[in-house]
């Protein structure tokens, strides 16, 4: 029993290390999103860190329009980044979980 427990603990530690590596790698995965007319472009990492915003000069003339563009485009970019983040981290966590009877929530 203790051998199984030690094996499970080792597997959990290994999974924690893989999750940390994946989070670090996701800092280098860039998600690009643009408004439908390409007047606004957003880049963020899969860890949802904003890296770049490009705003067409025409949007600088209308504050409300720019705000609307920012909200819509940022929300789309954050959704894409979150989807990538959750898929990558979920896969690592699922693969690394030890087989514990009754704990099949990741399957």
N, C-alpha and C. Protein backbone atom coordinates (compact mmCIF):
# COMPACT_ATOMS: atom_id res chain seq x y z
N UNK A 1 0.83 -1.20 0.00
CA UNK A 1 0.00 0.00 0.00
C UNK A 1 0.87 1.26 0.00
N UNK A 2 1.90 1.28 0.87
CA UNK A 2 2.73 2.48 0.93
C UNK A 2 3.55 2.65 -0.34
N UNK A 3 3.91 1.52 -0.97
CA UNK A 3 4.62 1.60 -2.25
C UNK A 3 3.76 2.27 -3.29
N UNK A 4 2.46 1.90 -3.32
CA UNK A 4 1.53 2.53 -4.25
C UNK A 4 1.39 4.02 -3.95
N UNK A 5 1.33 4.33 -2.67
CA UNK A 5 1.19 5.72 -2.25
C UNK A 5 2.42 6.53 -2.65
N UNK A 6 3.58 5.96 -2.46
CA UNK A 6 4.82 6.66 -2.83
C UNK A 6 4.90 6.83 -4.35
N UNK A 7 4.46 5.81 -5.06
CA UNK A 7 4.43 5.90 -6.52
C UNK A 7 3.49 6.99 -6.99
N UNK A 8 2.32 7.07 -6.36
CA UNK A 8 1.35 8.11 -6.71
C UNK A 8 1.91 9.50 -6.41
N UNK A 9 2.56 9.63 -5.26
CA UNK A 9 3.13 10.93 -4.89
C UNK A 9 4.21 11.34 -5.89
N UNK A 10 5.03 10.37 -6.32
CA UNK A 10 6.04 10.67 -7.32
C UNK A 10 5.42 11.10 -8.63
N UNK A 11 4.35 10.44 -9.02
CA UNK A 11 3.66 10.79 -10.27
C UNK A 11 3.04 12.19 -10.18
N UNK A 12 2.51 12.51 -9.01
CA UNK A 12 1.92 13.85 -8.82
C UNK A 12 3.00 14.92 -8.91
N UNK A 13 4.15 14.68 -8.30
CA UNK A 13 5.26 15.65 -8.38
C UNK A 13 5.73 15.81 -9.82
N UNK A 14 5.80 14.71 -10.54
CA UNK A 14 6.20 14.74 -11.95
C UNK A 14 5.19 15.56 -12.77
N UNK A 15 3.91 15.36 -12.48
CA UNK A 15 2.87 16.10 -13.18
C UNK A 15 2.96 17.60 -12.85
N UNK A 16 3.24 17.92 -11.59
CA UNK A 16 3.39 19.33 -11.22
C UNK A 16 4.52 19.98 -12.00
N UNK A 17 5.61 19.25 -12.18
CA UNK A 17 6.74 19.77 -12.95
C UNK A 17 6.35 19.97 -14.41
N UNK A 18 5.59 19.02 -14.97
CA UNK A 18 5.14 19.14 -16.36
C UNK A 18 4.19 20.31 -16.53
N UNK A 19 3.32 20.53 -15.54
CA UNK A 19 2.40 21.67 -15.60
C UNK A 19 3.20 22.97 -15.59
N UNK A 20 4.20 23.06 -14.73
CA UNK A 20 5.03 24.27 -14.66
C UNK A 20 5.75 24.50 -15.99
N UNK A 21 6.27 23.43 -16.60
CA UNK A 21 6.93 23.55 -17.91
C UNK A 21 5.94 24.02 -18.96
N UNK A 22 4.74 23.47 -18.93
CA UNK A 22 3.71 23.85 -19.91
C UNK A 22 3.33 25.31 -19.75
N UNK A 23 3.17 25.77 -18.51
CA UNK A 23 2.85 27.18 -18.28
C UNK A 23 3.94 28.08 -18.83
N UNK A 24 5.18 27.68 -18.63
CA UNK A 24 6.31 28.47 -19.14
C UNK A 24 6.28 28.49 -20.68
N UNK A 25 6.01 27.34 -21.28
CA UNK A 25 5.93 27.26 -22.74
C UNK A 25 4.78 28.11 -23.28
N UNK A 26 3.66 28.15 -22.56
CA UNK A 26 2.50 28.91 -23.01
C UNK A 26 2.78 30.42 -23.02
N UNK A 27 3.82 30.86 -22.31
CA UNK A 27 4.23 32.26 -22.38
C UNK A 27 4.78 32.61 -23.77
N UNK A 28 5.19 31.59 -24.52
CA UNK A 28 5.76 31.83 -25.85
C UNK A 28 4.75 31.58 -26.97
N UNK A 29 3.57 31.06 -26.63
CA UNK A 29 2.53 30.82 -27.63
C UNK A 29 1.72 32.10 -27.79
N UNK A 30 1.77 32.69 -28.98
CA UNK A 30 1.08 33.96 -29.22
C UNK A 30 -0.26 33.74 -29.89
N UNK A 31 -1.26 34.46 -29.40
CA UNK A 31 -2.61 34.43 -29.94
C UNK A 31 -2.86 35.79 -30.58
N UNK A 32 -3.17 35.80 -31.86
CA UNK A 32 -3.48 37.04 -32.58
C UNK A 32 -4.97 37.11 -32.84
N UNK A 33 -5.53 38.28 -32.61
CA UNK A 33 -6.95 38.51 -32.90
C UNK A 33 -7.08 39.89 -33.51
N UNK A 34 -7.98 40.01 -34.47
CA UNK A 34 -8.22 41.29 -35.15
C UNK A 34 -9.70 41.59 -35.16
N UNK A 35 -10.01 42.86 -35.24
CA UNK A 35 -11.40 43.25 -35.46
C UNK A 35 -11.79 42.78 -36.87
N UNK A 36 -13.07 42.72 -37.13
CA UNK A 36 -13.53 42.19 -38.42
C UNK A 36 -13.00 42.99 -39.61
N UNK A 37 -12.72 44.27 -39.42
CA UNK A 37 -12.21 45.11 -40.50
C UNK A 37 -10.70 45.36 -40.39
N UNK A 38 -10.05 44.65 -39.47
CA UNK A 38 -8.59 44.73 -39.26
C UNK A 38 -8.10 46.11 -38.82
N UNK A 39 -8.96 46.93 -38.26
CA UNK A 39 -8.53 48.24 -37.76
C UNK A 39 -7.88 48.14 -36.39
N UNK A 40 -8.11 47.04 -35.72
CA UNK A 40 -7.52 46.81 -34.39
C UNK A 40 -6.97 45.39 -34.36
N UNK A 41 -5.73 45.25 -33.90
CA UNK A 41 -5.10 43.94 -33.80
C UNK A 41 -4.52 43.78 -32.39
N UNK A 42 -4.79 42.63 -31.81
CA UNK A 42 -4.37 42.32 -30.44
C UNK A 42 -3.51 41.06 -30.48
N UNK A 43 -2.43 41.06 -29.71
CA UNK A 43 -1.62 39.85 -29.52
C UNK A 43 -1.44 39.62 -28.04
N UNK A 44 -1.75 38.39 -27.60
CA UNK A 44 -1.46 38.01 -26.23
C UNK A 44 -0.95 36.59 -26.18
N UNK A 45 -0.37 36.23 -25.04
CA UNK A 45 0.15 34.88 -24.89
C UNK A 45 -1.00 33.95 -24.50
N UNK A 46 -0.74 32.65 -24.61
CA UNK A 46 -1.74 31.67 -24.19
C UNK A 46 -1.95 31.72 -22.68
N UNK A 47 -1.07 32.41 -21.96
CA UNK A 47 -1.27 32.66 -20.52
C UNK A 47 -2.01 33.97 -20.28
N UNK A 48 -2.56 34.53 -21.34
CA UNK A 48 -3.40 35.74 -21.30
C UNK A 48 -2.63 36.99 -20.85
N UNK A 49 -1.40 37.10 -21.30
CA UNK A 49 -0.60 38.30 -21.06
C UNK A 49 -0.59 39.11 -22.35
N UNK A 50 -1.04 40.35 -22.27
CA UNK A 50 -1.11 41.22 -23.44
C UNK A 50 0.29 41.56 -23.92
N UNK A 51 0.54 41.37 -25.21
CA UNK A 51 1.86 41.62 -25.78
C UNK A 51 1.87 42.80 -26.74
N UNK A 52 0.77 43.01 -27.47
CA UNK A 52 0.78 44.07 -28.47
C UNK A 52 -0.64 44.49 -28.83
N UNK A 53 -0.79 45.78 -29.10
CA UNK A 53 -2.04 46.33 -29.62
C UNK A 53 -1.67 47.24 -30.79
N UNK A 54 -2.30 47.00 -31.93
CA UNK A 54 -2.13 47.89 -33.08
C UNK A 54 -3.47 48.53 -33.37
N UNK A 55 -3.48 49.87 -33.39
CA UNK A 55 -4.72 50.62 -33.61
C UNK A 55 -4.56 51.46 -34.86
N UNK A 56 -5.47 51.27 -35.80
CA UNK A 56 -5.47 52.09 -37.00
C UNK A 56 -5.79 53.53 -36.62
N UNK A 57 -5.13 54.47 -37.27
CA UNK A 57 -5.32 55.89 -36.95
C UNK A 57 -6.78 56.34 -37.04
N UNK A 58 -7.55 55.73 -37.91
CA UNK A 58 -8.95 56.13 -38.07
C UNK A 58 -9.76 55.90 -36.79
N UNK A 59 -9.34 54.95 -35.97
CA UNK A 59 -10.06 54.67 -34.73
C UNK A 59 -9.76 55.71 -33.64
N UNK A 60 -8.71 56.47 -33.81
CA UNK A 60 -8.33 57.46 -32.81
C UNK A 60 -9.24 58.69 -32.82
N UNK A 61 -10.05 58.80 -33.83
CA UNK A 61 -10.95 59.96 -33.96
C UNK A 61 -12.24 59.80 -33.15
N UNK A 62 -12.57 58.56 -32.78
CA UNK A 62 -13.84 58.30 -32.09
C UNK A 62 -13.57 57.42 -30.86
N UNK A 63 -13.55 58.07 -29.70
CA UNK A 63 -13.22 57.38 -28.46
C UNK A 63 -14.17 56.21 -28.17
N UNK A 64 -15.47 56.41 -28.32
CA UNK A 64 -16.43 55.35 -28.04
C UNK A 64 -16.26 54.17 -28.98
N UNK A 65 -16.00 54.45 -30.24
CA UNK A 65 -15.80 53.38 -31.21
C UNK A 65 -14.54 52.58 -30.84
N UNK A 66 -13.47 53.28 -30.48
CA UNK A 66 -12.24 52.60 -30.09
C UNK A 66 -12.47 51.73 -28.86
N UNK A 67 -13.19 52.25 -27.88
CA UNK A 67 -13.49 51.46 -26.69
C UNK A 67 -14.27 50.19 -27.05
N UNK A 68 -15.26 50.33 -27.92
CA UNK A 68 -16.04 49.17 -28.36
C UNK A 68 -15.15 48.14 -29.06
N UNK A 69 -14.30 48.62 -29.95
CA UNK A 69 -13.36 47.74 -30.65
C UNK A 69 -12.46 47.01 -29.67
N UNK A 70 -11.93 47.73 -28.70
CA UNK A 70 -11.04 47.13 -27.71
C UNK A 70 -11.75 46.04 -26.91
N UNK A 71 -12.95 46.33 -26.46
CA UNK A 71 -13.71 45.36 -25.66
C UNK A 71 -13.98 44.10 -26.47
N UNK A 72 -14.52 44.27 -27.67
CA UNK A 72 -14.87 43.11 -28.49
C UNK A 72 -13.64 42.28 -28.87
N UNK A 73 -12.60 42.95 -29.33
CA UNK A 73 -11.42 42.24 -29.81
C UNK A 73 -10.63 41.61 -28.67
N UNK A 74 -10.50 42.33 -27.56
CA UNK A 74 -9.82 41.76 -26.39
C UNK A 74 -10.57 40.54 -25.86
N UNK A 75 -11.88 40.62 -25.80
CA UNK A 75 -12.65 39.47 -25.30
C UNK A 75 -12.48 38.25 -26.20
N UNK A 76 -12.47 38.46 -27.52
CA UNK A 76 -12.25 37.33 -28.44
C UNK A 76 -10.85 36.75 -28.25
N UNK A 77 -9.85 37.62 -28.10
CA UNK A 77 -8.47 37.16 -27.92
C UNK A 77 -8.32 36.40 -26.60
N UNK A 78 -8.91 36.91 -25.54
CA UNK A 78 -8.84 36.26 -24.23
C UNK A 78 -9.52 34.90 -24.28
N UNK A 79 -10.64 34.80 -24.96
CA UNK A 79 -11.35 33.52 -25.10
C UNK A 79 -10.47 32.51 -25.83
N UNK A 80 -9.84 32.92 -26.94
CA UNK A 80 -8.96 32.01 -27.68
C UNK A 80 -7.79 31.56 -26.81
N UNK A 81 -7.17 32.52 -26.11
CA UNK A 81 -6.03 32.20 -25.25
C UNK A 81 -6.44 31.26 -24.13
N UNK A 82 -7.60 31.50 -23.54
CA UNK A 82 -8.09 30.64 -22.47
C UNK A 82 -8.34 29.22 -22.96
N UNK A 83 -8.91 29.10 -24.17
CA UNK A 83 -9.16 27.78 -24.73
C UNK A 83 -7.86 27.01 -24.93
N UNK A 84 -6.84 27.67 -25.47
CA UNK A 84 -5.53 27.03 -25.67
C UNK A 84 -4.93 26.65 -24.32
N UNK A 85 -4.97 27.58 -23.38
CA UNK A 85 -4.40 27.36 -22.05
C UNK A 85 -5.05 26.16 -21.37
N UNK A 86 -6.37 26.13 -21.35
CA UNK A 86 -7.09 25.06 -20.68
C UNK A 86 -6.86 23.71 -21.35
N UNK A 87 -6.81 23.69 -22.68
CA UNK A 87 -6.58 22.44 -23.40
C UNK A 87 -5.19 21.89 -23.10
N UNK A 88 -4.19 22.76 -23.14
CA UNK A 88 -2.81 22.31 -22.91
C UNK A 88 -2.61 21.84 -21.46
N UNK A 89 -3.05 22.65 -20.51
CA UNK A 89 -2.86 22.28 -19.10
C UNK A 89 -3.73 21.08 -18.72
N UNK A 90 -4.92 21.01 -19.30
CA UNK A 90 -5.80 19.87 -19.03
C UNK A 90 -5.20 18.56 -19.53
N UNK A 91 -4.58 18.61 -20.70
CA UNK A 91 -3.96 17.40 -21.25
C UNK A 91 -2.81 16.94 -20.37
N UNK A 92 -2.00 17.88 -19.90
CA UNK A 92 -0.87 17.51 -19.03
C UNK A 92 -1.39 16.93 -17.72
N UNK A 93 -2.39 17.56 -17.14
CA UNK A 93 -2.93 17.09 -15.86
C UNK A 93 -3.57 15.71 -16.02
N UNK A 94 -4.30 15.51 -17.09
CA UNK A 94 -4.98 14.24 -17.31
C UNK A 94 -3.97 13.11 -17.49
N UNK A 95 -2.95 13.36 -18.29
CA UNK A 95 -1.93 12.33 -18.54
C UNK A 95 -1.13 12.00 -17.29
N UNK A 96 -0.99 12.96 -16.40
CA UNK A 96 -0.13 12.76 -15.24
C UNK A 96 -0.83 12.27 -13.99
N UNK A 97 -2.14 12.18 -14.04
CA UNK A 97 -2.86 11.76 -12.83
C UNK A 97 -2.67 10.27 -12.59
N UNK A 98 -2.35 9.90 -11.35
CA UNK A 98 -2.24 8.47 -11.02
C UNK A 98 -3.63 7.84 -11.04
N UNK A 99 -3.67 6.53 -11.24
CA UNK A 99 -4.95 5.81 -11.21
C UNK A 99 -5.36 5.59 -9.77
N UNK A 100 -6.33 6.37 -9.33
CA UNK A 100 -6.85 6.24 -7.97
C UNK A 100 -8.28 5.72 -8.10
N UNK A 101 -8.58 4.58 -7.51
CA UNK A 101 -9.92 4.03 -7.62
C UNK A 101 -10.98 5.05 -7.22
N UNK A 102 -12.00 5.16 -8.06
CA UNK A 102 -13.10 6.08 -7.78
C UNK A 102 -12.83 7.51 -8.20
N UNK A 103 -11.62 7.80 -8.70
CA UNK A 103 -11.26 9.16 -9.09
C UNK A 103 -11.07 9.23 -10.60
N UNK A 104 -12.13 8.96 -11.34
CA UNK A 104 -12.03 8.95 -12.79
C UNK A 104 -12.62 10.21 -13.41
N UNK A 105 -12.51 11.32 -12.69
CA UNK A 105 -13.12 12.58 -13.14
C UNK A 105 -12.43 13.15 -14.38
N UNK A 106 -11.20 12.73 -14.67
CA UNK A 106 -10.47 13.27 -15.83
C UNK A 106 -10.63 12.38 -17.05
N UNK A 107 -11.38 11.32 -16.97
CA UNK A 107 -11.49 10.37 -18.08
C UNK A 107 -12.77 10.54 -18.81
